[in-house]
C-alpha atoms as a PDB file:
ATOM      1  CA  MET A   1     152.525 116.679 144.567  1.00  0.00           C
ATOM      2  CA  ASP A   2     156.163 118.889 145.823  1.00  0.00           C
ATOM      3  CA  SER A   3     157.881 117.075 148.090  1.00  0.00           C
ATOM      4  CA  ARG A   4     156.874 119.502 151.174  1.00  0.00           C
ATOM      5  CA  ALA A   5     153.364 117.706 150.877  1.00  0.00           C
ATOM      6  CA  PRO A   6     153.991 115.828 153.953  1.00  0.00           C
ATOM      7  CA  VAL A   7     155.651 118.536 155.867  1.00  0.00           C
ATOM      8  CA  LEU A   8     153.030 120.415 155.358  1.00  0.00           C
ATOM      9  CA  ALA A   9     150.235 118.149 157.084  1.00  0.00           C
ATOM     10  CA  GLY A  10     152.840 117.685 159.660  1.00  0.00           C
ATOM     11  CA  ALA A  11     152.413 121.457 160.132  1.00  0.00           C
ATOM     12  CA  LEU A  12     148.476 121.734 159.567  1.00  0.00           C
ATOM     13  CA  ALA A  13     148.518 118.653 162.480  1.00  0.00           C
ATOM     14  CA  ASP A  14     151.107 120.477 165.409  1.00  0.00           C
ATOM     15  CA  ASP A  15     148.933 123.041 167.004  1.00  0.00           C
ATOM     16  CA  ALA A  16     152.910 123.812 168.988  1.00  0.00           C
ATOM     17  CA  LEU A  17     154.344 124.569 165.434  1.00  0.00           C
ATOM     18  CA  TRP A  18     151.861 127.085 165.316  1.00  0.00           C
ATOM     19  CA  ARG A  19     151.680 128.869 168.289  1.00  0.00           C
ATOM     20  CA  ARG A  20     155.835 130.001 167.626  1.00  0.00           C
ATOM     21  CA  PRO A  21     155.452 133.586 168.152  1.00  0.00           C
ATOM     22  CA  LEU A  22     156.617 134.104 164.690  1.00  0.00           C
ATOM     23  CA  VAL A  23     153.739 131.979 163.169  1.00  0.00           C
ATOM     24  CA  ALA A  24     151.186 133.811 164.704  1.00  0.00           C
ATOM     25  CA  ALA A  25     152.593 136.813 163.749  1.00  0.00           C
ATOM     26  CA  ALA A  26     152.709 136.384 160.471  1.00  0.00           C
ATOM     27  CA  LEU A  27     149.597 134.330 159.367  1.00  0.00           C
ATOM     28  CA  ASP A  28     146.046 135.524 160.205  1.00  0.00           C
ATOM     29  CA  GLY A  29     143.796 133.217 162.315  1.00  0.00           C
ATOM     30  CA  ALA A  30     142.119 131.807 158.776  1.00  0.00           C
ATOM     31  CA  PHE A  31     145.653 131.229 157.097  1.00  0.00           C
ATOM     32  CA  ARG A  32     145.691 127.157 158.714  1.00  0.00           C
ATOM     33  CA  ALA A  33     141.808 126.121 158.070  1.00  0.00           C
ATOM     34  CA  ASP A  34     141.993 127.729 154.625  1.00  0.00           C
ATOM     35  CA  LEU A  35     145.889 125.922 153.685  1.00  0.00           C
ATOM     36  CA  SER A  36     144.325 122.593 155.228  1.00  0.00           C
ATOM     37  CA  ARG A  37     140.831 123.459 153.066  1.00  0.00           C
ATOM     38  CA  ALA A  38     143.506 124.543 149.885  1.00  0.00           C
ATOM     39  CA  LEU A  39     145.659 121.105 150.318  1.00  0.00           C
ATOM     40  CA  ASP A  40     142.007 119.024 149.881  1.00  0.00           C
ATOM     41  CA  ARG A  41     142.108 120.153 146.284  1.00  0.00           C
ATOM     42  CA  ILE A  42     144.449 118.645 145.287  1.00  0.00           C
ATOM     43  CA  PRO A  43     144.015 115.520 144.377  1.00  0.00           C
ATOM     44  CA  GLY A  44     141.291 116.957 141.707  1.00  0.00           C
ATOM     45  CA  LEU A  45     143.163 119.135 140.599  1.00  0.00           C
ATOM     46  CA  LEU A  46     145.359 116.205 139.770  1.00  0.00           C
ATOM     47  CA  ALA A  47     142.458 114.396 138.551  1.00  0.00           C
ATOM     48  CA  GLU A  48     141.263 117.656 136.239  1.00  0.00           C
ATOM     49  CA  SER A  49     144.789 118.385 134.638  1.00  0.00           C
ATOM     50  CA  GLU A  50     144.682 114.924 133.033  1.00  0.00           C
ATOM     51  CA  THR A  51     141.526 116.190 131.511  1.00  0.00           C
ATOM     52  CA  LEU A  52     143.300 119.652 129.913  1.00  0.00           C
ATOM     53  CA  PRO A  53     145.412 119.840 127.548  1.00  0.00           C
ATOM     54  CA  THR A  54     149.750 120.505 128.074  1.00  0.00           C
ATOM     55  CA  ALA A  55     152.308 121.163 126.813  1.00  0.00           C
ATOM     56  CA  LEU A  56     156.175 120.962 127.250  1.00  0.00           C
ATOM     57  CA  PRO A  57     156.908 124.235 129.452  1.00  0.00           C
ATOM     58  CA  HIS A  58     159.565 124.821 131.147  1.00  0.00           C
ATOM     59  CA  GLY A  59     158.190 123.707 134.485  1.00  0.00           C
ATOM     60  CA  ASP A  60     159.847 126.026 136.894  1.00  0.00           C
ATOM     61  CA  ALA A  61     159.760 129.740 134.270  1.00  0.00           C
ATOM     62  CA  ALA A  62     160.412 131.999 137.652  1.00  0.00           C
ATOM     63  CA  PRO A  63     161.976 135.232 135.903  1.00  0.00           C
ATOM     64  CA  VAL A  64     165.652 134.208 137.316  1.00  0.00           C
ATOM     65  CA  ASN A  65     165.297 131.252 134.814  1.00  0.00           C
ATOM     66  CA  LEU A  66     164.435 133.787 131.911  1.00  0.00           C
ATOM     67  CA  LEU A  67     167.959 136.109 130.843  1.00  0.00           C
ATOM     68  CA  ARG A  68     168.370 138.582 128.230  1.00  0.00           C
ATOM     69  CA  PRO A  69     171.256 138.176 126.868  1.00  0.00           C
ATOM     70  CA  ARG A  70     172.998 141.914 125.579  1.00  0.00           C
ATOM     71  CA  ASP A  71     172.868 142.222 122.677  1.00  0.00           C
ATOM     72  CA  GLU A  72     169.473 140.900 122.402  1.00  0.00           C
ATOM     73  CA  PRO A  73     167.118 142.396 124.830  1.00  0.00           C
ATOM     74  CA  ASP A  74     163.606 141.636 122.858  1.00  0.00           C
ATOM     75  CA  THR A  75     164.800 137.905 123.235  1.00  0.00           C
ATOM     76  CA  PHE A  76     164.555 136.118 126.340  1.00  0.00           C
ATOM     77  CA  VAL A  77     166.864 132.220 127.163  1.00  0.00           C
ATOM     78  CA  ALA A  78     165.828 129.943 128.922  1.00  0.00           C
ATOM     79  CA  ILE A  79     168.526 128.316 131.314  1.00  0.00           C
ATOM     80  CA  ASP A  80     167.169 125.428 134.331  1.00  0.00           C
ATOM     81  CA  TRP A  81     165.509 123.503 132.354  1.00  0.00           C
ATOM     82  CA  ALA A  82     165.406 120.314 135.296  1.00  0.00           C
ATOM     83  CA  PHE A  83     161.387 120.069 135.557  1.00  0.00           C
ATOM     84  CA  GLY A  84     160.738 119.929 131.789  1.00  0.00           C
ATOM     85  CA  CYS A  85     157.532 117.901 131.166  1.00  0.00           C
ATOM     86  CA  GLN A  86     153.967 117.790 129.969  1.00  0.00           C
ATOM     87  CA  LEU A  87     152.272 119.508 132.066  1.00  0.00           C
ATOM     88  CA  PRO A  88     149.053 121.154 131.654  1.00  0.00           C
ATOM     89  CA  LEU A  89     148.799 124.418 129.874  1.00  0.00           C
ATOM     90  CA  GLY A  90     149.219 127.849 132.119  1.00  0.00           C
ATOM     91  CA  PHE A  91     150.646 125.280 134.402  1.00  0.00           C
ATOM     92  CA  ASP A  92     154.259 127.694 134.110  1.00  0.00           C
ATOM     93  CA  LEU A  93     153.056 130.860 134.972  1.00  0.00           C
ATOM     94  CA  GLY A  94     152.699 129.693 138.597  1.00  0.00           C
ATOM     95  CA  GLN A  95     156.338 130.391 139.046  1.00  0.00           C
ATOM     96  CA  LEU A  96     156.352 132.736 136.590  1.00  0.00           C
ATOM     97  CA  LEU A  97     153.550 134.912 138.784  1.00  0.00           C
ATOM     98  CA  CYS A  98     155.800 133.782 142.098  1.00  0.00           C
ATOM     99  CA  GLY A  99     158.548 133.314 141.906  1.00  0.00           C
ATOM    100  CA  GLU A 100     160.241 136.646 142.738  1.00  0.00           C
ATOM    101  CA  VAL A 101     157.616 137.147 145.784  1.00  0.00           C
ATOM    102  CA  GLU A 102     159.034 133.815 146.660  1.00  0.00           C
ATOM    103  CA  GLN A 103     162.616 134.732 147.052  1.00  0.00           C
ATOM    104  CA  GLY A 104     162.564 137.902 149.064  1.00  0.00           C
ATOM    105  CA  ARG A 105     162.116 139.700 146.086  1.00  0.00           C
ATOM    106  CA  GLY A 106     158.291 141.727 144.301  1.00  0.00           C
ATOM    107  CA  ASP A 107     155.746 143.447 145.815  1.00  0.00           C
ATOM    108  CA  VAL A 108     152.597 140.579 146.025  1.00  0.00           C
ATOM    109  CA  ASP A 109     150.762 144.018 146.450  1.00  0.00           C
ATOM    110  CA  GLY A 110     151.474 143.919 142.733  1.00  0.00           C
ATOM    111  CA  LEU A 111     150.049 139.948 142.309  1.00  0.00           C
ATOM    112  CA  PRO A 112     146.991 140.587 141.512  1.00  0.00           C
ATOM    113  CA  GLY A 113     147.851 142.855 138.087  1.00  0.00           C
ATOM    114  CA  LEU A 114     150.743 140.500 136.826  1.00  0.00           C
ATOM    115  CA  LEU A 115     147.550 137.722 136.861  1.00  0.00           C
ATOM    116  CA  ASP A 116     145.973 139.705 134.776  1.00  0.00           C
ATOM    117  CA  ALA A 117     149.377 140.846 132.670  1.00  0.00           C
ATOM    118  CA  VAL A 118     150.301 136.720 132.434  1.00  0.00           C
ATOM    119  CA  GLU A 119     147.930 135.173 131.298  1.00  0.00           C
ATOM    120  CA  THR A 120     146.729 137.485 128.606  1.00  0.00           C
ATOM    121  CA  ALA A 121     150.338 137.497 127.424  1.00  0.00           C
ATOM    122  CA  TYR A 122     150.104 133.599 127.935  1.00  0.00           C
ATOM    123  CA  VAL A 123     146.825 133.145 126.392  1.00  0.00           C
ATOM    124  CA  ALA A 124     147.616 135.880 123.255  1.00  0.00           C
ATOM    125  CA  GLY A 125     151.087 133.725 122.477  1.00  0.00           C
ATOM    126  CA  LEU A 126     149.432 130.447 122.365  1.00  0.00           C
ATOM    127  CA  ALA A 127     146.828 131.846 119.785  1.00  0.00           C
ATOM    128  CA  ASP A 128     150.085 133.766 118.135  1.00  0.00           C
ATOM    129  CA  GLU A 129     152.009 130.530 117.835  1.00  0.00           C
ATOM    130  CA  GLY A 130     148.067 128.645 116.112  1.00  0.00           C
ATOM    131  CA  LEU A 131     146.576 127.648 119.757  1.00  0.00           C
ATOM    132  CA  ASP A 132     143.127 128.833 120.242  1.00  0.00           C
ATOM    133  CA  THR A 133     142.694 128.532 124.215  1.00  0.00           C
ATOM    134  CA  ASP A 134     140.454 129.544 126.521  1.00  0.00           C
ATOM    135  CA  ARG A 135     141.934 131.599 129.471  1.00  0.00           C
ATOM    136  CA  ASP A 136     139.743 129.092 131.733  1.00  0.00           C
ATOM    137  CA  VAL A 137     141.638 126.650 130.793  1.00  0.00           C
ATOM    138  CA  VAL A 138     144.743 128.557 131.307  1.00  0.00           C
ATOM    139  CA  ARG A 139     143.816 129.163 134.880  1.00  0.00           C
ATOM    140  CA  ARG A 140     143.275 125.658 135.186  1.00  0.00           C
ATOM    141  CA  GLY A 141     146.753 125.075 134.416  1.00  0.00           C
ATOM    142  CA  LEU A 142     147.689 128.307 136.711  1.00  0.00           C
ATOM    143  CA  LEU A 143     145.526 126.567 139.382  1.00  0.00           C
ATOM    144  CA  VAL A 144     147.541 123.394 139.383  1.00  0.00           C
ATOM    145  CA  ALA A 145     150.762 124.868 139.780  1.00  0.00           C
ATOM    146  CA  LEU A 146     149.820 127.082 142.241  1.00  0.00           C
ATOM    147  CA  ALA A 147     148.138 123.897 144.936  1.00  0.00           C
ATOM    148  CA  THR A 148     151.375 121.767 144.463  1.00  0.00           C
ATOM    149  CA  ARG A 149     153.786 123.629 143.876  1.00  0.00           C
ATOM    150  CA  ASN A 150     153.416 126.539 145.539  1.00  0.00           C
ATOM    151  CA  LEU A 151     151.180 126.151 148.453  1.00  0.00           C
ATOM    152  CA  PRO A 152     153.462 123.828 150.073  1.00  0.00           C
ATOM    153  CA  GLY A 153     155.878 126.233 150.646  1.00  0.00           C
ATOM    154  CA  ALA A 154     153.809 129.034 151.360  1.00  0.00           C
ATOM    155  CA  VAL A 155     155.502 129.359 155.063  1.00  0.00           C
ATOM    156  CA  PRO A 156     159.800 128.592 155.248  1.00  0.00           C
ATOM    157  CA  TRP A 157     159.080 126.451 159.296  1.00  0.00           C
ATOM    158  CA  GLU A 158     162.666 126.398 159.076  1.00  0.00           C
ATOM    159  CA  LEU A 159     162.737 129.848 159.693  1.00  0.00           C
ATOM    160  CA  THR A 160     160.027 130.309 161.955  1.00  0.00           C
ATOM    161  CA  GLU A 161     161.992 129.190 165.635  1.00  0.00           C
ATOM    162  CA  GLY A 162     163.226 131.153 167.746  1.00  0.00           C
ATOM    163  CA  ASP A 163     164.219 135.448 167.403  1.00  0.00           C
ATOM    164  CA  ALA A 164     164.324 136.440 163.993  1.00  0.00           C
ATOM    165  CA  ASP A 165     165.577 139.527 163.097  1.00  0.00           C
ATOM    166  CA  ASP A 166     163.080 142.522 161.048  1.00  0.00           C
ATOM    167  CA  GLU A 167     164.753 141.164 157.203  1.00  0.00           C
ATOM    168  CA  THR A 168     163.692 137.479 158.034  1.00  0.00           C
ATOM    169  CA  ARG A 169     160.409 139.125 159.720  1.00  0.00           C
ATOM    170  CA  ALA A 170     159.460 140.345 156.914  1.00  0.00           C
ATOM    171  CA  PHE A 171     160.315 137.263 154.089  1.00  0.00           C
ATOM    172  CA  LEU A 172     157.866 135.495 156.171  1.00  0.00           C
ATOM    173  CA  ALA A 173     155.098 138.105 156.124  1.00  0.00           C
ATOM    174  CA  ARG A 174     155.897 138.293 152.368  1.00  0.00           C
ATOM    175  CA  ARG A 175     155.965 134.363 152.036  1.00  0.00           C
ATOM    176  CA  ALA A 176     152.511 134.718 154.072  1.00  0.00           C
ATOM    177  CA  ALA A 177     151.218 136.965 151.896  1.00  0.00           C
ATOM    178  CA  LEU A 178     152.292 134.810 148.967  1.00  0.00           C
ATOM    179  CA  GLY A 179     150.337 132.009 149.913  1.00  0.00           C
ATOM    180  CA  ARG A 180     147.263 133.654 150.373  1.00  0.00           C
ATOM    181  CA  PHE A 181     147.136 134.795 147.742  1.00  0.00           C
ATOM    182  CA  ALA A 182     147.654 131.461 146.407  1.00  0.00           C
ATOM    183  CA  MET A 183     144.979 129.865 148.397  1.00  0.00           C
ATOM    184  CA  ASP A 184     142.535 132.620 147.675  1.00  0.00           C
ATOM    185  CA  LEU A 185     142.987 131.464 144.225  1.00  0.00           C
ATOM    186  CA  VAL A 186     143.198 128.301 144.559  1.00  0.00           C
ATOM    187  CA  LEU A 187     140.096 128.207 146.682  1.00  0.00           C
ATOM    188  CA  ALA A 188     137.668 130.756 144.567  1.00  0.00           C
ATOM    189  CA  GLY A 189     138.377 127.850 142.122  1.00  0.00           C
END
């Protein structure tokens, strides 16, 4: 599980943290309960991940780790392979989908359409390589990524103390919306 999970477990139990003005402004009343329910699904998702087909994905396929050479604009070069290891098919879609929003760039409202596009393209790419895979299998791998990697960092708690400027408040609101998007997928799955 993500190394931030113990911090998040403490955050879920800390009522004072949830009463911080910046937290209360960024998170709706159901966020805490839903986050707890989504995190409770991690053991089951990890157990299920042991049964899913795997590949050697990048492990951190955020857009910032996929570069396009100027002289070959139809080519991508993947950098930063520190997290490359056998993972369920679809796992890489978590960072591909959420990476820009996590960094404060990108549009949360566009994620449902992007989700459809990346899942469709991923399944098609697997088929092009001779691996016919059901889209539901890919979605299960994506859910493992969202639950174990994205949800533990849904709220950057270190930014919620004291006063904040408008930019920080907007960043927290985007991250909370991203967390809600990921939670809803995990809870629906």
